C-alpha atoms as a PDB file:
ATOM      1  CA  UNK A   1     -10.260 -22.849  13.387  1.00  0.00           C
ATOM      2  CA  UNK A   2      -9.698 -24.004   9.770  1.00  0.00           C
ATOM      3  CA  UNK A   3     -11.399 -25.051   6.858  1.00  0.00           C
ATOM      4  CA  UNK A   4      -9.469 -28.080   6.696  1.00  0.00           C
ATOM      5  CA  UNK A   5     -11.069 -29.438   9.766  1.00  0.00           C
ATOM      6  CA  UNK A   6     -13.861 -30.071   8.255  1.00  0.00           C
ATOM      7  CA  UNK A   7     -15.325 -32.719   5.897  1.00  0.00           C
ATOM      8  CA  UNK A   8     -18.081 -31.445   3.275  1.00  0.00           C
ATOM      9  CA  UNK A   9     -19.645 -33.652   0.328  1.00  0.00           C
ATOM     10  CA  UNK A  10     -18.544 -32.871  -2.760  1.00  0.00           C
ATOM     11  CA  UNK A  11     -15.537 -30.522  -1.535  1.00  0.00           C
ATOM     12  CA  UNK A  12     -12.079 -31.079  -0.396  1.00  0.00           C
ATOM     13  CA  UNK A  13      -8.957 -29.468   1.391  1.00  0.00           C
ATOM     14  CA  UNK A  14      -5.969 -28.835  -0.666  1.00  0.00           C
ATOM     15  CA  UNK A  15      -2.812 -26.288  -2.135  1.00  0.00           C
ATOM     16  CA  UNK A  16      -3.925 -24.164  -4.799  1.00  0.00           C
ATOM     17  CA  UNK A  17      -0.879 -24.428  -7.758  1.00  0.00           C
ATOM     18  CA  UNK A  18      -0.939 -20.844  -8.412  1.00  0.00           C
ATOM     19  CA  UNK A  19      -0.481 -19.394  -5.305  1.00  0.00           C
ATOM     20  CA  UNK A  20       0.361 -22.330  -3.009  1.00  0.00           C
ATOM     21  CA  UNK A  21      -2.431 -21.576  -0.327  1.00  0.00           C
ATOM     22  CA  UNK A  22      -4.174 -23.883   1.197  1.00  0.00           C
ATOM     23  CA  UNK A  23      -7.695 -23.899  -0.159  1.00  0.00           C
ATOM     24  CA  UNK A  24     -11.162 -25.171   0.001  1.00  0.00           C
ATOM     25  CA  UNK A  25     -11.961 -26.488  -3.288  1.00  0.00           C
ATOM     26  CA  UNK A  26     -15.930 -26.914  -3.757  1.00  0.00           C
ATOM     27  CA  UNK A  27     -17.859 -28.864  -6.695  1.00  0.00           C
ATOM     28  CA  UNK A  28     -21.050 -27.716  -5.229  1.00  0.00           C
ATOM     29  CA  UNK A  29     -23.894 -24.895  -4.223  1.00  0.00           C
ATOM     30  CA  UNK A  30     -24.714 -26.403  -0.925  1.00  0.00           C
ATOM     31  CA  UNK A  31     -20.927 -27.221  -0.146  1.00  0.00           C
ATOM     32  CA  UNK A  32     -20.231 -23.807  -0.867  1.00  0.00           C
ATOM     33  CA  UNK A  33     -22.724 -22.486   1.315  1.00  0.00           C
ATOM     34  CA  UNK A  34     -21.983 -24.655   3.952  1.00  0.00           C
ATOM     35  CA  UNK A  35     -18.024 -23.359   3.792  1.00  0.00           C
ATOM     36  CA  UNK A  36     -19.067 -20.170   3.879  1.00  0.00           C
ATOM     37  CA  UNK A  37     -20.924 -20.223   6.842  1.00  0.00           C
ATOM     38  CA  UNK A  38     -18.929 -22.805   8.851  1.00  0.00           C
ATOM     39  CA  UNK A  39     -16.369 -20.088   9.844  1.00  0.00           C
ATOM     40  CA  UNK A  40     -19.385 -17.075  10.479  1.00  0.00           C
ATOM     41  CA  UNK A  41     -20.858 -20.237  13.156  1.00  0.00           C
ATOM     42  CA  UNK A  42     -17.458 -21.161  14.629  1.00  0.00           C
ATOM     43  CA  UNK A  43     -15.640 -17.997  14.956  1.00  0.00           C
ATOM     44  CA  UNK A  44     -18.512 -16.171  16.184  1.00  0.00           C
ATOM     45  CA  UNK A  45     -18.718 -19.080  18.871  1.00  0.00           C
ATOM     46  CA  UNK A  46     -15.102 -19.670  19.642  1.00  0.00           C
ATOM     47  CA  UNK A  47     -13.120 -16.343  18.742  1.00  0.00           C
ATOM     48  CA  UNK A  48     -15.719 -13.278  18.914  1.00  0.00           C
ATOM     49  CA  UNK A  49     -14.793 -12.887  15.348  1.00  0.00           C
ATOM     50  CA  UNK A  50     -17.664 -11.775  12.570  1.00  0.00           C
ATOM     51  CA  UNK A  51     -16.344 -13.695   9.055  1.00  0.00           C
ATOM     52  CA  UNK A  52     -17.469 -11.609   5.873  1.00  0.00           C
ATOM     53  CA  UNK A  53     -16.180 -12.114   2.159  1.00  0.00           C
ATOM     54  CA  UNK A  54     -14.593 -10.966  -0.752  1.00  0.00           C
ATOM     55  CA  UNK A  55     -14.268 -12.366  -4.018  1.00  0.00           C
ATOM     56  CA  UNK A  56     -11.247 -12.443  -6.161  1.00  0.00           C
ATOM     57  CA  UNK A  57     -10.152 -13.670  -8.823  1.00  0.00           C
ATOM     58  CA  UNK A  58      -6.545 -15.009  -7.508  1.00  0.00           C
ATOM     59  CA  UNK A  59      -4.892 -15.387  -4.333  1.00  0.00           C
ATOM     60  CA  UNK A  60      -2.818 -12.607  -3.516  1.00  0.00           C
ATOM     61  CA  UNK A  61       0.428 -12.475  -1.556  1.00  0.00           C
ATOM     62  CA  UNK A  62      -1.082  -9.551   0.423  1.00  0.00           C
ATOM     63  CA  UNK A  63      -4.432  -7.810   1.513  1.00  0.00           C
ATOM     64  CA  UNK A  64      -3.717  -4.449   1.030  1.00  0.00           C
ATOM     65  CA  UNK A  65      -5.988  -1.468   1.236  1.00  0.00           C
ATOM     66  CA  UNK A  66      -5.767   0.472  -2.505  1.00  0.00           C
ATOM     67  CA  UNK A  67      -4.476   3.491  -0.375  1.00  0.00           C
ATOM     68  CA  UNK A  68      -1.374   1.913   0.844  1.00  0.00           C
ATOM     69  CA  UNK A  69      -1.050  -0.443  -2.427  1.00  0.00           C
ATOM     70  CA  UNK A  70       2.790  -0.141  -4.157  1.00  0.00           C
ATOM     71  CA  UNK A  71       3.907   1.817  -0.553  1.00  0.00           C
ATOM     72  CA  UNK A  72       7.324   0.940   0.498  1.00  0.00           C
ATOM     73  CA  UNK A  73       7.212   4.106   2.861  1.00  0.00           C
ATOM     74  CA  UNK A  74       6.330   5.452   6.390  1.00  0.00           C
ATOM     75  CA  UNK A  75       6.716   8.821   5.324  1.00  0.00           C
ATOM     76  CA  UNK A  76       4.604   8.068   1.875  1.00  0.00           C
ATOM     77  CA  UNK A  77       1.710   6.358   3.758  1.00  0.00           C
ATOM     78  CA  UNK A  78       1.496   9.377   6.539  1.00  0.00           C
ATOM     79  CA  UNK A  79       1.449  11.776   3.384  1.00  0.00           C
ATOM     80  CA  UNK A  80      -1.022   9.847   1.338  1.00  0.00           C
ATOM     81  CA  UNK A  81      -3.606   9.757   4.531  1.00  0.00           C
ATOM     82  CA  UNK A  82      -3.172  13.354   4.443  1.00  0.00           C
ATOM     83  CA  UNK A  83      -4.476  13.894   1.119  1.00  0.00           C
ATOM     84  CA  UNK A  84      -7.063  11.402   2.299  1.00  0.00           C
ATOM     85  CA  UNK A  85      -8.205  13.278   4.957  1.00  0.00           C
ATOM     86  CA  UNK A  86      -7.984  16.623   3.069  1.00  0.00           C
ATOM     87  CA  UNK A  87     -10.480  15.093   0.643  1.00  0.00           C
ATOM     88  CA  UNK A  88     -12.979  13.964   2.960  1.00  0.00           C
ATOM     89  CA  UNK A  89     -12.913  16.814   4.552  1.00  0.00           C
ATOM     90  CA  UNK A  90     -13.922  19.046   1.532  1.00  0.00           C
ATOM     91  CA  UNK A  91     -16.494  16.516   0.475  1.00  0.00           C
ATOM     92  CA  UNK A  92     -18.313  16.815   4.155  1.00  0.00           C
ATOM     93  CA  UNK A  93     -17.894  20.382   3.209  1.00  0.00           C
ATOM     94  CA  UNK A  94     -19.573  20.443   0.129  1.00  0.00           C
ATOM     95  CA  UNK A  95     -22.951  18.811   1.241  1.00  0.00           C
ATOM     96  CA  UNK A  96     -24.662  18.977   4.307  1.00  0.00           C
ATOM     97  CA  UNK A  97     -25.993  15.050   4.181  1.00  0.00           C
ATOM     98  CA  UNK A  98     -22.369  13.692   5.310  1.00  0.00           C
ATOM     99  CA  UNK A  99     -23.413  15.407   8.596  1.00  0.00           C
ATOM    100  CA  UNK A 100     -26.285  12.849   9.118  1.00  0.00           C
ATOM    101  CA  UNK A 101     -24.556   9.489   9.460  1.00  0.00           C
ATOM    102  CA  UNK A 102     -21.142   8.446  11.389  1.00  0.00           C
ATOM    103  CA  UNK A 103     -18.369  10.236  10.422  1.00  0.00           C
ATOM    104  CA  UNK A 104     -16.003   7.326  10.518  1.00  0.00           C
ATOM    105  CA  UNK A 105     -18.295   5.588   7.860  1.00  0.00           C
ATOM    106  CA  UNK A 106     -16.921   8.640   5.555  1.00  0.00           C
ATOM    107  CA  UNK A 107     -13.657   7.443   4.260  1.00  0.00           C
ATOM    108  CA  UNK A 108     -15.565   3.765   3.827  1.00  0.00           C
ATOM    109  CA  UNK A 109     -18.330   5.327   2.015  1.00  0.00           C
ATOM    110  CA  UNK A 110     -15.700   6.851  -0.510  1.00  0.00           C
ATOM    111  CA  UNK A 111     -14.061   3.874  -1.016  1.00  0.00           C
ATOM    112  CA  UNK A 112     -17.075   1.799  -2.313  1.00  0.00           C
ATOM    113  CA  UNK A 113     -17.782   4.743  -4.674  1.00  0.00           C
ATOM    114  CA  UNK A 114     -14.146   4.140  -6.107  1.00  0.00           C
ATOM    115  CA  UNK A 115     -11.482   6.716  -4.170  1.00  0.00           C
ATOM    116  CA  UNK A 116      -8.025   4.896  -2.767  1.00  0.00           C
ATOM    117  CA  UNK A 117      -8.795   4.377   1.003  1.00  0.00           C
ATOM    118  CA  UNK A 118      -7.274   2.549   4.234  1.00  0.00           C
ATOM    119  CA  UNK A 119      -9.861   0.495   4.020  1.00  0.00           C
ATOM    120  CA  UNK A 120     -11.084  -2.905   2.102  1.00  0.00           C
ATOM    121  CA  UNK A 121     -14.278  -3.849   0.642  1.00  0.00           C
ATOM    122  CA  UNK A 122     -16.144  -6.591   1.900  1.00  0.00           C
ATOM    123  CA  UNK A 123     -19.521  -8.419   1.733  1.00  0.00           C
ATOM    124  CA  UNK A 124     -21.977  -9.925   3.811  1.00  0.00           C
ATOM    125  CA  UNK A 125     -23.516 -12.510   0.910  1.00  0.00           C
ATOM    126  CA  UNK A 126     -21.558 -14.733  -0.412  1.00  0.00           C
ATOM    127  CA  UNK A 127     -23.199 -14.835  -3.845  1.00  0.00           C
ATOM    128  CA  UNK A 128     -22.152 -11.390  -4.301  1.00  0.00           C
ATOM    129  CA  UNK A 129     -18.461 -11.979  -3.239  1.00  0.00           C
ATOM    130  CA  UNK A 130     -18.765 -14.714  -5.851  1.00  0.00           C
ATOM    131  CA  UNK A 131     -19.925 -12.949  -8.698  1.00  0.00           C
ATOM    132  CA  UNK A 132     -17.191 -10.298  -7.841  1.00  0.00           C
ATOM    133  CA  UNK A 133     -14.586 -13.647  -8.363  1.00  0.00           C
ATOM    134  CA  UNK A 134     -16.297 -13.889 -11.835  1.00  0.00           C
ATOM    135  CA  UNK A 135     -15.591 -10.587 -13.223  1.00  0.00           C
ATOM    136  CA  UNK A 136     -12.517  -8.725 -13.985  1.00  0.00           C
ATOM    137  CA  UNK A 137     -12.416  -4.755 -13.395  1.00  0.00           C
ATOM    138  CA  UNK A 138     -11.153  -2.779 -16.068  1.00  0.00           C
ATOM    139  CA  UNK A 139     -10.371   1.349 -15.675  1.00  0.00           C
ATOM    140  CA  UNK A 140      -9.813   3.956 -17.972  1.00  0.00           C
ATOM    141  CA  UNK A 141      -9.240   7.496 -18.007  1.00  0.00           C
ATOM    142  CA  UNK A 142      -6.008   9.545 -16.417  1.00  0.00           C
ATOM    143  CA  UNK A 143      -7.163   8.426 -12.627  1.00  0.00           C
ATOM    144  CA  UNK A 144      -8.839   5.414 -13.810  1.00  0.00           C
ATOM    145  CA  UNK A 145     -11.969   7.415 -13.146  1.00  0.00           C
ATOM    146  CA  UNK A 146     -14.173   5.201 -16.472  1.00  0.00           C
ATOM    147  CA  UNK A 147     -14.655   1.578 -14.791  1.00  0.00           C
ATOM    148  CA  UNK A 148     -16.740  -1.469 -16.184  1.00  0.00           C
ATOM    149  CA  UNK A 149     -16.731  -4.973 -15.820  1.00  0.00           C
ATOM    150  CA  UNK A 150     -15.986  -8.307 -17.718  1.00  0.00           C
ATOM    151  CA  UNK A 151     -17.719 -11.410 -17.155  1.00  0.00           C
ATOM    152  CA  UNK A 152     -14.815 -13.885 -17.056  1.00  0.00           C
ATOM    153  CA  UNK A 153     -14.749 -16.945 -19.530  1.00  0.00           C
ATOM    154  CA  UNK A 154     -13.879 -20.003 -18.706  1.00  0.00           C
ATOM    155  CA  UNK A 155     -13.501 -21.959 -22.296  1.00  0.00           C
ATOM    156  CA  UNK A 156     -10.335 -23.642 -22.504  1.00  0.00           C
ATOM    157  CA  UNK A 157      -8.925 -22.473 -19.141  1.00  0.00           C
ATOM    158  CA  UNK A 158      -8.841 -25.745 -17.619  1.00  0.00           C
ATOM    159  CA  UNK A 159      -7.053 -24.166 -14.209  1.00  0.00           C
ATOM    160  CA  UNK A 160      -9.433 -21.283 -13.977  1.00  0.00           C
ATOM    161  CA  UNK A 161     -10.764 -20.677 -10.492  1.00  0.00           C
ATOM    162  CA  UNK A 162     -12.857 -18.544  -8.608  1.00  0.00           C
ATOM    163  CA  UNK A 163     -11.677 -17.342  -5.069  1.00  0.00           C
ATOM    164  CA  UNK A 164     -14.108 -16.368  -2.105  1.00  0.00           C
ATOM    165  CA  UNK A 165     -11.649 -15.108   1.229  1.00  0.00           C
ATOM    166  CA  UNK A 166     -13.263 -15.804   4.428  1.00  0.00           C
ATOM    167  CA  UNK A 167     -12.072 -12.467   6.911  1.00  0.00           C
ATOM    168  CA  UNK A 168     -12.298 -12.104  10.433  1.00  0.00           C
ATOM    169  CA  UNK A 169     -13.611  -8.923  12.066  1.00  0.00           C
ATOM    170  CA  UNK A 170     -12.987  -8.664  15.934  1.00  0.00           C
ATOM    171  CA  UNK A 171     -16.340  -8.313  17.290  1.00  0.00           C
ATOM    172  CA  UNK A 172     -15.899  -9.605  20.926  1.00  0.00           C
ATOM    173  CA  UNK A 173     -13.539  -6.926  22.471  1.00  0.00           C
ATOM    174  CA  UNK A 174     -14.988  -4.449  20.773  1.00  0.00           C
ATOM    175  CA  UNK A 175     -17.479  -0.917  21.400  1.00  0.00           C
ATOM    176  CA  UNK A 176     -20.232   0.195  19.218  1.00  0.00           C
ATOM    177  CA  UNK A 177     -19.487   4.326  18.733  1.00  0.00           C
ATOM    178  CA  UNK A 178     -22.318   4.988  16.021  1.00  0.00           C
ATOM    179  CA  UNK A 179     -25.105   2.967  14.139  1.00  0.00           C
ATOM    180  CA  UNK A 180     -23.471   0.386  12.125  1.00  0.00           C
ATOM    181  CA  UNK A 181     -20.037   1.098  13.117  1.00  0.00           C
ATOM    182  CA  UNK A 182     -17.608  -1.736  15.709  1.00  0.00           C
ATOM    183  CA  UNK A 183     -14.659  -0.920  16.365  1.00  0.00           C
ATOM    184  CA  UNK A 184     -12.423  -4.068  18.100  1.00  0.00           C
ATOM    185  CA  UNK A 185      -8.732  -4.294  19.676  1.00  0.00           C
ATOM    186  CA  UNK A 186      -7.591  -5.331  16.089  1.00  0.00           C
ATOM    187  CA  UNK A 187     -10.164  -4.065  13.575  1.00  0.00           C
ATOM    188  CA  UNK A 188     -12.459  -1.555  12.761  1.00  0.00           C
ATOM    189  CA  UNK A 189     -15.918  -2.893  10.844  1.00  0.00           C
ATOM    190  CA  UNK A 190     -18.197  -0.579   9.196  1.00  0.00           C
ATOM    191  CA  UNK A 191     -21.757  -1.837   7.961  1.00  0.00           C
ATOM    192  CA  UNK A 192     -22.995   0.580   5.301  1.00  0.00           C
ATOM    193  CA  UNK A 193     -26.552  -0.960   5.308  1.00  0.00           C
ATOM    194  CA  UNK A 194     -26.753   0.805   8.935  1.00  0.00           C
ATOM    195  CA  UNK A 195     -24.020   3.324   8.242  1.00  0.00           C
ATOM    196  CA  UNK A 196     -25.621   4.810   5.856  1.00  0.00           C
ATOM    197  CA  UNK A 197     -28.972   5.860   4.237  1.00  0.00           C
ATOM    198  CA  UNK A 198     -30.032   3.878   1.313  1.00  0.00           C
ATOM    199  CA  UNK A 199     -30.274   6.880  -0.769  1.00  0.00           C
ATOM    200  CA  UNK A 200     -26.255   5.237  -1.460  1.00  0.00           C
ATOM    201  CA  UNK A 201     -28.090   2.367  -2.953  1.00  0.00           C
ATOM    202  CA  UNK A 202     -24.334   0.760  -4.112  1.00  0.00           C
ATOM    203  CA  UNK A 203     -23.657  -0.613  -0.466  1.00  0.00           C
ATOM    204  CA  UNK A 204     -26.716  -1.683  -0.205  1.00  0.00           C
ATOM    205  CA  UNK A 205     -27.391  -3.697  -3.161  1.00  0.00           C
ATOM    206  CA  UNK A 206     -23.802  -5.165  -2.413  1.00  0.00           C
ATOM    207  CA  UNK A 207     -24.442  -5.808   1.032  1.00  0.00           C
ATOM    208  CA  UNK A 208     -21.791  -3.897   1.411  1.00  0.00           C
ATOM    209  CA  UNK A 209     -19.045  -3.591   4.930  1.00  0.00           C
ATOM    210  CA  UNK A 210     -15.974  -2.770   4.797  1.00  0.00           C
ATOM    211  CA  UNK A 211     -13.257  -2.687   7.400  1.00  0.00           C
ATOM    212  CA  UNK A 212      -9.395  -2.000   8.306  1.00  0.00           C
ATOM    213  CA  UNK A 213      -7.012  -3.305  10.871  1.00  0.00           C
ATOM    214  CA  UNK A 214      -5.850  -1.081  13.655  1.00  0.00           C
ATOM    215  CA  UNK A 215      -2.490  -0.175  14.482  1.00  0.00           C
ATOM    216  CA  UNK A 216      -0.219   0.666  17.675  1.00  0.00           C
ATOM    217  CA  UNK A 217       0.197   4.351  18.586  1.00  0.00           C
ATOM    218  CA  UNK A 218       2.710   5.046  15.611  1.00  0.00           C
ATOM    219  CA  UNK A 219       1.381   3.278  12.741  1.00  0.00           C
ATOM    220  CA  UNK A 220      -1.563   1.335  10.922  1.00  0.00           C
ATOM    221  CA  UNK A 221      -0.409  -1.586   8.847  1.00  0.00           C
ATOM    222  CA  UNK A 222       0.093  -1.451   5.433  1.00  0.00           C
ATOM    223  CA  UNK A 223      -1.218  -5.471   4.901  1.00  0.00           C
ATOM    224  CA  UNK A 224      -4.147  -6.965   6.426  1.00  0.00           C
ATOM    225  CA  UNK A 225      -4.269 -10.058   5.337  1.00  0.00           C
ATOM    226  CA  UNK A 226      -3.486 -11.448   8.697  1.00  0.00           C
ATOM    227  CA  UNK A 227      -7.455 -11.460   9.248  1.00  0.00           C
ATOM    228  CA  UNK A 228      -8.031 -14.061   6.540  1.00  0.00           C
ATOM    229  CA  UNK A 229      -9.529 -16.966   7.809  1.00  0.00           C
ATOM    230  CA  UNK A 230     -10.174 -18.833   5.048  1.00  0.00           C
ATOM    231  CA  UNK A 231     -10.458 -19.343   1.095  1.00  0.00           C
ATOM    232  CA  UNK A 232     -13.305 -21.536  -1.081  1.00  0.00           C
ATOM    233  CA  UNK A 233     -12.140 -22.184  -4.237  1.00  0.00           C
ATOM    234  CA  UNK A 234     -14.599 -22.401  -7.044  1.00  0.00           C
ATOM    235  CA  UNK A 235     -13.861 -23.853 -10.547  1.00  0.00           C
ATOM    236  CA  UNK A 236     -14.914 -20.377 -13.202  1.00  0.00           C
ATOM    237  CA  UNK A 237     -17.115 -22.813 -14.917  1.00  0.00           C
ATOM    238  CA  UNK A 238     -19.210 -23.941 -12.092  1.00  0.00           C
ATOM    239  CA  UNK A 239     -19.202 -20.818 -10.838  1.00  0.00           C
ATOM    240  CA  UNK A 240     -20.577 -18.856 -14.167  1.00  0.00           C
ATOM    241  CA  UNK A 241     -23.048 -21.575 -14.010  1.00  0.00           C
ATOM    242  CA  UNK A 242     -24.438 -21.049 -10.397  1.00  0.00           C
ATOM    243  CA  UNK A 243     -24.484 -17.494 -10.734  1.00  0.00           C
ATOM    244  CA  UNK A 244     -26.541 -17.396 -14.210  1.00  0.00           C
ATOM    245  CA  UNK A 245     -27.882 -14.541 -15.948  1.00  0.00           C
ATOM    246  CA  UNK A 246     -30.259 -12.995 -13.274  1.00  0.00           C
ATOM    247  CA  UNK A 247     -30.836  -9.397 -13.093  1.00  0.00           C
ATOM    248  CA  UNK A 248     -30.107  -9.446  -9.349  1.00  0.00           C
ATOM    249  CA  UNK A 249     -26.376 -10.249  -9.726  1.00  0.00           C
ATOM    250  CA  UNK A 250     -25.842  -7.819 -12.964  1.00  0.00           C
ATOM    251  CA  UNK A 251     -23.555  -4.677 -13.164  1.00  0.00           C
ATOM    252  CA  UNK A 252     -26.896  -2.812 -13.373  1.00  0.00           C
ATOM    253  CA  UNK A 253     -28.098  -3.649 -10.089  1.00  0.00           C
ATOM    254  CA  UNK A 254     -24.663  -4.145  -8.237  1.00  0.00           C
ATOM    255  CA  UNK A 255     -23.714  -0.928  -9.390  1.00  0.00           C
ATOM    256  CA  UNK A 256     -26.903   1.378  -9.934  1.00  0.00           C
ATOM    257  CA  UNK A 257     -26.620   4.527 -12.278  1.00  0.00           C
ATOM    258  CA  UNK A 258     -27.393   7.901 -10.617  1.00  0.00           C
ATOM    259  CA  UNK A 259     -30.120   7.950 -11.879  1.00  0.00           C
ATOM    260  CA  UNK A 260     -31.483   5.473  -9.373  1.00  0.00           C
ATOM    261  CA  UNK A 261     -28.205   6.128  -6.810  1.00  0.00           C
ATOM    262  CA  UNK A 262     -28.813   9.758  -5.826  1.00  0.00           C
ATOM    263  CA  UNK A 263     -25.690   9.191  -3.129  1.00  0.00           C
ATOM    264  CA  UNK A 264     -23.570   8.429  -5.940  1.00  0.00           C
ATOM    265  CA  UNK A 265     -25.119  11.040  -8.013  1.00  0.00           C
ATOM    266  CA  UNK A 266     -24.368  13.521  -4.720  1.00  0.00           C
ATOM    267  CA  UNK A 267     -21.348  12.681  -5.228  1.00  0.00           C
ATOM    268  CA  UNK A 268     -20.468  12.725  -8.700  1.00  0.00           C
ATOM    269  CA  UNK A 269     -21.861  16.684  -8.373  1.00  0.00           C
ATOM    270  CA  UNK A 270     -19.287  17.473  -5.305  1.00  0.00           C
ATOM    271  CA  UNK A 271     -16.373  17.882  -7.962  1.00  0.00           C
ATOM    272  CA  UNK A 272     -14.183  15.588  -6.110  1.00  0.00           C
ATOM    273  CA  UNK A 273     -10.748  16.531  -7.880  1.00  0.00           C
ATOM    274  CA  UNK A 274      -8.757  13.188  -8.637  1.00  0.00           C
ATOM    275  CA  UNK A 275      -5.389  12.132  -8.172  1.00  0.00           C
ATOM    276  CA  UNK A 276      -3.043   9.376  -8.554  1.00  0.00           C
ATOM    277  CA  UNK A 277      -2.591   8.917  -5.119  1.00  0.00           C
ATOM    278  CA  UNK A 278      -6.179   8.836  -4.658  1.00  0.00           C
ATOM    279  CA  UNK A 279      -8.329   7.920  -7.509  1.00  0.00           C
ATOM    280  CA  UNK A 280     -11.584   9.795  -7.397  1.00  0.00           C
ATOM    281  CA  UNK A 281     -15.342   8.784  -7.770  1.00  0.00           C
ATOM    282  CA  UNK A 282     -15.521   6.464 -10.481  1.00  0.00           C
ATOM    283  CA  UNK A 283     -17.996   6.511 -13.207  1.00  0.00           C
ATOM    284  CA  UNK A 284     -19.213   2.611 -13.712  1.00  0.00           C
ATOM    285  CA  UNK A 285     -20.224   1.937 -16.898  1.00  0.00           C
ATOM    286  CA  UNK A 286     -23.545  -0.401 -16.706  1.00  0.00           C
END
């Protein structure tokens, strides 16, 4: 199904000039919610898919996980995955808490806290997705480990937009191996709100899930854009106004400091050694 098939008040299906992608542009919060919910309902019924959200400041030409971005050879992909597996094993041996939740959730959890992996972050809350579409992340330090978010400005930018990608995860022909982990024929999905205890507070605060495409017997694809089911566009001025300044949609709430997020504190204390291919556990300024 396509967003181009629906008619919603204060919304229209059109081409985005910056990317040439077809987008569903909404001018009202009710239109945003209805458009976001349309594919959730229709694709679950007809395709057996779950639809989740990813906020973006622009539409990219691909949807690659951080571990694979810029990689052009299978050899490098394999090398980076080997380095990542070694890092995950080191962290598992450092703290026994990782033995208390599914092993397939370990890599997605590290992705959520800054390590570059083969997974892509999604959320199951359209307002959280909109927040990410309205903020830019800036990193500094040797591995970009010191991270802060700045609110985008719409002043004097008539062509500024916020985008929400609607991503499909295969649920129909799937099997659940552990709580919060669903293996479909084409994708793997981890809901960290279920798979990880809430001492890891960040994924619970963000309604966070992660997904990745499954590969063939030789390799996993490095571009997951085949799972994009639609794109919602909102003028940045509208998006900022709709979000407002509520405390539940601020950096302090969405990225709780280690004082509140015990899991974050555990990861920082684990002494994860950063590297250019893998990054490191990020220090987020609130």
